[in-house]
Amino acid sequence: MEIMQYELVLVNLDPTIGSEMKKTRSCAVISPNEMNKYLQTIVVAPLTSNSKVYPTRVEIKQTKTKGWIVLDQIRTVDRTRIVKKLGNLTSSEIEAVKNVIMETYVE
C-alpha cells in the first residue's frame, strides 16, 4: 500500500504502555514521501475526538474525520499496523501541522 505524507490512515496502535494513545484510531501521516516509499515504518500522529485546546494539537473538521491531531504523541509504526486509508488533510490543516511541528520541535 502506497502511503503519502498528510494522508489520514487507520492504525492499530496497540500494545501501548502508560500514557501512550491506545487502540485502533485515525492517524495523520507525518513522515515525508521519500521515507514512506523506501522504509517499512511510517511516522504518524494519532487523532483524538476529545481534546482541550493545547498548542501541540491541530483541530480538523472533515466530513468523515473530526477531532484533533495530537502532535505531542508522534510515533513510528510498522506498515503492518495500518488498517486502511481514510483520506487527506486539507491544505489549511497541513499548514497548521507544519507550524506546530516547527514551533514545538525545531525552535
N, C-alpha and C. Protein backbone atom coordinates (compact mmCIF):
# COMPACT_ATOMS: atom_id res chain seq x y z
N MET A 1 0.84 -1.18 0.00
CA MET A 1 0.00 0.00 0.00
C MET A 1 0.89 1.24 0.00
N GLU A 2 0.66 2.13 -0.95
CA GLU A 2 1.43 3.37 -1.02
C GLU A 2 0.85 4.37 -0.01
N ILE A 3 1.71 4.87 0.85
CA ILE A 3 1.31 5.83 1.88
C ILE A 3 1.97 7.16 1.59
N MET A 4 1.19 8.23 1.62
CA MET A 4 1.70 9.57 1.33
C MET A 4 1.62 10.46 2.56
N GLN A 5 2.55 11.40 2.63
CA GLN A 5 2.55 12.38 3.72
C GLN A 5 1.22 13.14 3.74
N TYR A 6 0.73 13.38 4.93
CA TYR A 6 -0.51 14.11 5.21
C TYR A 6 -1.78 13.35 4.85
N GLU A 7 -1.66 12.05 4.61
CA GLU A 7 -2.85 11.22 4.48
C GLU A 7 -3.36 10.89 5.88
N LEU A 8 -4.64 10.58 5.96
CA LEU A 8 -5.22 10.05 7.19
C LEU A 8 -5.36 8.55 7.01
N VAL A 9 -4.88 7.79 7.99
CA VAL A 9 -4.92 6.34 7.92
C VAL A 9 -5.43 5.79 9.25
N LEU A 10 -6.05 4.62 9.19
CA LEU A 10 -6.49 3.93 10.40
C LEU A 10 -5.35 3.01 10.83
N VAL A 11 -4.91 3.16 12.09
CA VAL A 11 -3.73 2.44 12.57
C VAL A 11 -4.04 1.72 13.88
N ASN A 12 -3.59 0.48 13.99
CA ASN A 12 -3.70 -0.26 15.25
C ASN A 12 -2.49 0.11 16.10
N LEU A 13 -2.71 0.89 17.15
CA LEU A 13 -1.60 1.39 17.98
C LEU A 13 -1.28 0.47 19.16
N ASP A 14 -2.06 -0.58 19.37
CA ASP A 14 -1.81 -1.49 20.50
C ASP A 14 -0.72 -2.50 20.14
N PRO A 15 0.08 -2.94 21.09
CA PRO A 15 0.05 -2.62 22.50
C PRO A 15 0.75 -1.29 22.82
N THR A 16 0.35 -0.71 23.91
CA THR A 16 0.94 0.55 24.36
C THR A 16 1.33 0.43 25.83
N ILE A 17 2.05 1.44 26.31
CA ILE A 17 2.47 1.48 27.71
C ILE A 17 2.12 2.85 28.27
N GLY A 18 1.66 2.88 29.51
CA GLY A 18 1.45 4.15 30.22
C GLY A 18 0.46 5.07 29.54
N SER A 19 0.90 6.29 29.27
CA SER A 19 0.03 7.34 28.74
C SER A 19 0.00 7.40 27.21
N GLU A 20 0.62 6.43 26.53
CA GLU A 20 0.57 6.41 25.07
C GLU A 20 -0.87 6.21 24.61
N MET A 21 -1.23 6.83 23.49
CA MET A 21 -2.58 6.68 22.96
C MET A 21 -2.78 5.25 22.49
N LYS A 22 -3.94 4.71 22.84
CA LYS A 22 -4.21 3.29 22.64
C LYS A 22 -5.21 3.06 21.52
N LYS A 23 -5.44 1.81 21.22
CA LYS A 23 -6.44 1.22 20.33
C LYS A 23 -6.24 1.55 18.86
N THR A 24 -7.14 1.09 18.03
CA THR A 24 -7.09 1.39 16.61
C THR A 24 -7.75 2.74 16.39
N ARG A 25 -7.01 3.67 15.80
CA ARG A 25 -7.55 5.02 15.62
C ARG A 25 -6.99 5.67 14.38
N SER A 26 -7.65 6.74 13.97
CA SER A 26 -7.18 7.53 12.84
C SER A 26 -5.87 8.20 13.21
N CYS A 27 -4.97 8.30 12.23
CA CYS A 27 -3.69 8.97 12.41
C CYS A 27 -3.36 9.78 11.16
N ALA A 28 -2.62 10.86 11.35
CA ALA A 28 -2.12 11.64 10.23
C ALA A 28 -0.68 11.20 9.96
N VAL A 29 -0.36 10.95 8.69
CA VAL A 29 1.00 10.55 8.31
C VAL A 29 1.87 11.80 8.29
N ILE A 30 2.95 11.78 9.06
CA ILE A 30 3.86 12.92 9.19
C ILE A 30 5.13 12.70 8.38
N SER A 31 5.56 11.46 8.24
CA SER A 31 6.83 11.18 7.55
C SER A 31 6.75 11.58 6.07
N PRO A 32 7.87 12.09 5.53
CA PRO A 32 7.88 12.54 4.13
C PRO A 32 7.78 11.37 3.15
N ASN A 33 7.32 11.67 1.95
CA ASN A 33 7.09 10.64 0.93
C ASN A 33 8.34 9.83 0.62
N GLU A 34 9.50 10.45 0.63
CA GLU A 34 10.75 9.73 0.34
C GLU A 34 10.97 8.62 1.37
N MET A 35 10.70 8.90 2.64
CA MET A 35 10.81 7.87 3.68
C MET A 35 9.72 6.82 3.50
N ASN A 36 8.50 7.27 3.24
CA ASN A 36 7.37 6.35 3.11
C ASN A 36 7.57 5.38 1.95
N LYS A 37 8.27 5.82 0.93
CA LYS A 37 8.49 4.98 -0.26
C LYS A 37 9.45 3.83 0.02
N TYR A 38 10.48 4.08 0.85
CA TYR A 38 11.55 3.10 1.00
C TYR A 38 11.60 2.37 2.33
N LEU A 39 11.01 2.94 3.38
CA LEU A 39 11.11 2.31 4.70
C LEU A 39 9.87 1.48 5.01
N GLN A 40 10.04 0.52 5.89
CA GLN A 40 8.93 -0.32 6.34
C GLN A 40 8.16 0.34 7.48
N THR A 41 8.65 1.49 7.95
CA THR A 41 7.98 2.20 9.04
C THR A 41 7.45 3.54 8.55
N ILE A 42 6.42 4.02 9.24
CA ILE A 42 5.76 5.28 8.92
C ILE A 42 5.67 6.10 10.21
N VAL A 43 5.90 7.40 10.12
CA VAL A 43 5.76 8.28 11.28
C VAL A 43 4.36 8.89 11.24
N VAL A 44 3.61 8.71 12.33
CA VAL A 44 2.23 9.18 12.39
C VAL A 44 1.98 9.99 13.66
N ALA A 45 0.92 10.78 13.60
CA ALA A 45 0.40 11.47 14.79
C ALA A 45 -1.04 11.02 14.95
N PRO A 46 -1.39 10.44 16.10
CA PRO A 46 -2.75 9.95 16.29
C PRO A 46 -3.76 11.09 16.42
N LEU A 47 -5.02 10.76 16.17
CA LEU A 47 -6.11 11.70 16.35
C LEU A 47 -6.93 11.31 17.56
N THR A 48 -7.52 12.30 18.20
CA THR A 48 -8.46 12.06 19.27
C THR A 48 -9.70 12.90 19.01
N SER A 49 -10.84 12.39 19.44
CA SER A 49 -12.08 13.14 19.24
C SER A 49 -12.34 14.10 20.39
N ASN A 50 -11.67 13.88 21.51
CA ASN A 50 -11.84 14.75 22.68
C ASN A 50 -10.51 15.37 23.07
N SER A 51 -10.46 16.68 23.09
CA SER A 51 -9.23 17.35 23.49
C SER A 51 -9.54 18.76 23.94
N LYS A 52 -8.75 19.21 24.86
CA LYS A 52 -8.75 20.64 25.19
C LYS A 52 -7.86 21.32 24.15
N VAL A 53 -7.90 22.62 24.13
CA VAL A 53 -7.04 23.36 23.21
C VAL A 53 -5.62 23.38 23.79
N TYR A 54 -4.71 22.71 23.12
CA TYR A 54 -3.30 22.69 23.50
C TYR A 54 -2.49 23.20 22.32
N PRO A 55 -1.33 23.80 22.56
CA PRO A 55 -0.52 24.31 21.45
C PRO A 55 0.06 23.20 20.57
N THR A 56 0.02 21.96 21.04
CA THR A 56 0.57 20.84 20.27
C THR A 56 -0.51 20.03 19.55
N ARG A 57 -1.71 20.60 19.45
CA ARG A 57 -2.83 19.89 18.82
C ARG A 57 -3.43 20.73 17.71
N VAL A 58 -3.81 20.08 16.62
CA VAL A 58 -4.41 20.76 15.46
C VAL A 58 -5.81 20.19 15.25
N GLU A 59 -6.80 21.06 15.25
CA GLU A 59 -8.18 20.62 15.05
C GLU A 59 -8.44 20.38 13.57
N ILE A 60 -9.12 19.28 13.28
CA ILE A 60 -9.56 19.03 11.90
C ILE A 60 -11.08 18.82 11.92
N LYS A 61 -11.72 19.31 10.87
CA LYS A 61 -13.18 19.24 10.79
C LYS A 61 -13.59 18.71 9.41
N GLN A 62 -13.31 17.45 9.18
CA GLN A 62 -13.66 16.84 7.89
C GLN A 62 -14.95 16.04 8.05
N THR A 63 -15.57 15.74 6.95
CA THR A 63 -16.85 15.03 6.97
C THR A 63 -16.77 13.71 7.72
N LYS A 64 -15.77 12.89 7.37
CA LYS A 64 -15.65 11.57 7.99
C LYS A 64 -14.77 11.57 9.23
N THR A 65 -13.84 12.50 9.31
CA THR A 65 -12.88 12.51 10.41
C THR A 65 -12.88 13.88 11.07
N LYS A 66 -13.32 13.91 12.32
CA LYS A 66 -13.30 15.16 13.09
C LYS A 66 -12.51 14.90 14.36
N GLY A 67 -11.81 15.90 14.82
CA GLY A 67 -11.07 15.73 16.06
C GLY A 67 -9.82 16.57 16.07
N TRP A 68 -8.83 16.08 16.77
CA TRP A 68 -7.57 16.79 16.98
C TRP A 68 -6.41 15.89 16.62
N ILE A 69 -5.46 16.42 15.84
CA ILE A 69 -4.21 15.72 15.58
C ILE A 69 -3.31 15.98 16.77
N VAL A 70 -2.87 14.92 17.42
CA VAL A 70 -2.12 15.03 18.67
C VAL A 70 -0.62 14.98 18.34
N LEU A 71 -0.04 16.14 18.10
CA LEU A 71 1.36 16.21 17.68
C LEU A 71 2.34 16.04 18.84
N ASP A 72 1.84 15.93 20.06
CA ASP A 72 2.70 15.61 21.20
C ASP A 72 2.76 14.09 21.42
N GLN A 73 2.14 13.31 20.53
CA GLN A 73 2.17 11.85 20.62
C GLN A 73 2.65 11.21 19.31
N ILE A 74 3.51 11.92 18.58
CA ILE A 74 4.04 11.39 17.32
C ILE A 74 4.78 10.09 17.60
N ARG A 75 4.57 9.09 16.72
CA ARG A 75 5.29 7.82 16.89
C ARG A 75 5.53 7.14 15.55
N THR A 76 6.48 6.24 15.55
CA THR A 76 6.81 5.46 14.37
C THR A 76 6.11 4.11 14.48
N VAL A 77 5.45 3.70 13.39
CA VAL A 77 4.76 2.42 13.38
C VAL A 77 5.17 1.61 12.15
N ASP A 78 5.11 0.31 12.28
CA ASP A 78 5.35 -0.57 11.13
C ASP A 78 4.15 -0.50 10.19
N ARG A 79 4.40 -0.66 8.91
CA ARG A 79 3.32 -0.60 7.91
C ARG A 79 2.22 -1.62 8.19
N THR A 80 2.57 -2.74 8.81
CA THR A 80 1.56 -3.77 9.07
C THR A 80 0.50 -3.30 10.06
N ARG A 81 0.76 -2.23 10.79
CA ARG A 81 -0.24 -1.68 11.72
C ARG A 81 -1.31 -0.86 11.00
N ILE A 82 -1.06 -0.47 9.75
CA ILE A 82 -2.02 0.36 9.01
C ILE A 82 -3.14 -0.53 8.49
N VAL A 83 -4.37 -0.21 8.90
CA VAL A 83 -5.54 -0.98 8.52
C VAL A 83 -6.07 -0.54 7.16
N LYS A 84 -6.23 0.78 6.98
CA LYS A 84 -6.72 1.31 5.70
C LYS A 84 -6.50 2.81 5.63
N LYS A 85 -6.63 3.34 4.42
CA LYS A 85 -6.54 4.78 4.19
C LYS A 85 -7.91 5.40 4.43
N LEU A 86 -7.91 6.64 4.95
CA LEU A 86 -9.16 7.32 5.25
C LEU A 86 -9.37 8.60 4.45
N GLY A 87 -8.30 9.18 3.92
CA GLY A 87 -8.43 10.44 3.19
C GLY A 87 -7.17 11.27 3.33
N ASN A 88 -7.31 12.59 3.16
CA ASN A 88 -6.17 13.50 3.21
C ASN A 88 -6.51 14.73 4.04
N LEU A 89 -5.48 15.32 4.62
CA LEU A 89 -5.66 16.60 5.29
C LEU A 89 -5.88 17.69 4.24
N THR A 90 -6.59 18.74 4.63
CA THR A 90 -6.76 19.88 3.74
C THR A 90 -5.49 20.72 3.75
N SER A 91 -5.36 21.63 2.81
CA SER A 91 -4.16 22.48 2.75
C SER A 91 -4.02 23.33 4.01
N SER A 92 -5.11 23.82 4.56
CA SER A 92 -5.02 24.63 5.79
C SER A 92 -4.63 23.76 6.99
N GLU A 93 -5.10 22.52 7.03
CA GLU A 93 -4.70 21.61 8.10
C GLU A 93 -3.23 21.25 7.99
N ILE A 94 -2.75 21.05 6.77
CA ILE A 94 -1.32 20.75 6.55
C ILE A 94 -0.46 21.91 7.04
N GLU A 95 -0.84 23.13 6.71
CA GLU A 95 -0.09 24.30 7.16
C GLU A 95 -0.08 24.39 8.68
N ALA A 96 -1.21 24.12 9.31
CA ALA A 96 -1.28 24.16 10.77
C ALA A 96 -0.38 23.10 11.39
N VAL A 97 -0.36 21.90 10.81
CA VAL A 97 0.51 20.82 11.30
C VAL A 97 1.98 21.24 11.17
N LYS A 98 2.36 21.77 10.02
CA LYS A 98 3.74 22.21 9.81
C LYS A 98 4.13 23.28 10.83
N ASN A 99 3.25 24.22 11.08
CA ASN A 99 3.54 25.30 12.03
C ASN A 99 3.74 24.76 13.44
N VAL A 100 2.89 23.84 13.86
CA VAL A 100 3.02 23.28 15.21
C VAL A 100 4.31 22.47 15.32
N ILE A 101 4.63 21.69 14.30
CA ILE A 101 5.88 20.92 14.33
C ILE A 101 7.09 21.85 14.42
N MET A 102 7.09 22.91 13.63
CA MET A 102 8.20 23.87 13.67
C MET A 102 8.32 24.51 15.05
N GLU A 103 7.22 24.97 15.59
CA GLU A 103 7.24 25.65 16.89
C GLU A 103 7.60 24.71 18.03
N THR A 104 7.15 23.47 17.94
CA THR A 104 7.35 22.53 19.04
C THR A 104 8.70 21.83 18.99
N TYR A 105 9.12 21.41 17.81
CA TYR A 105 10.30 20.54 17.71
C TYR A 105 11.53 21.19 17.11
N VAL A 106 11.38 22.32 16.42
CA VAL A 106 12.52 22.89 15.71
C VAL A 106 13.11 24.09 16.44
N GLU A 107 12.29 24.95 16.96
CA GLU A 107 12.79 26.18 17.56
C GLU A 107 13.32 25.99 18.95
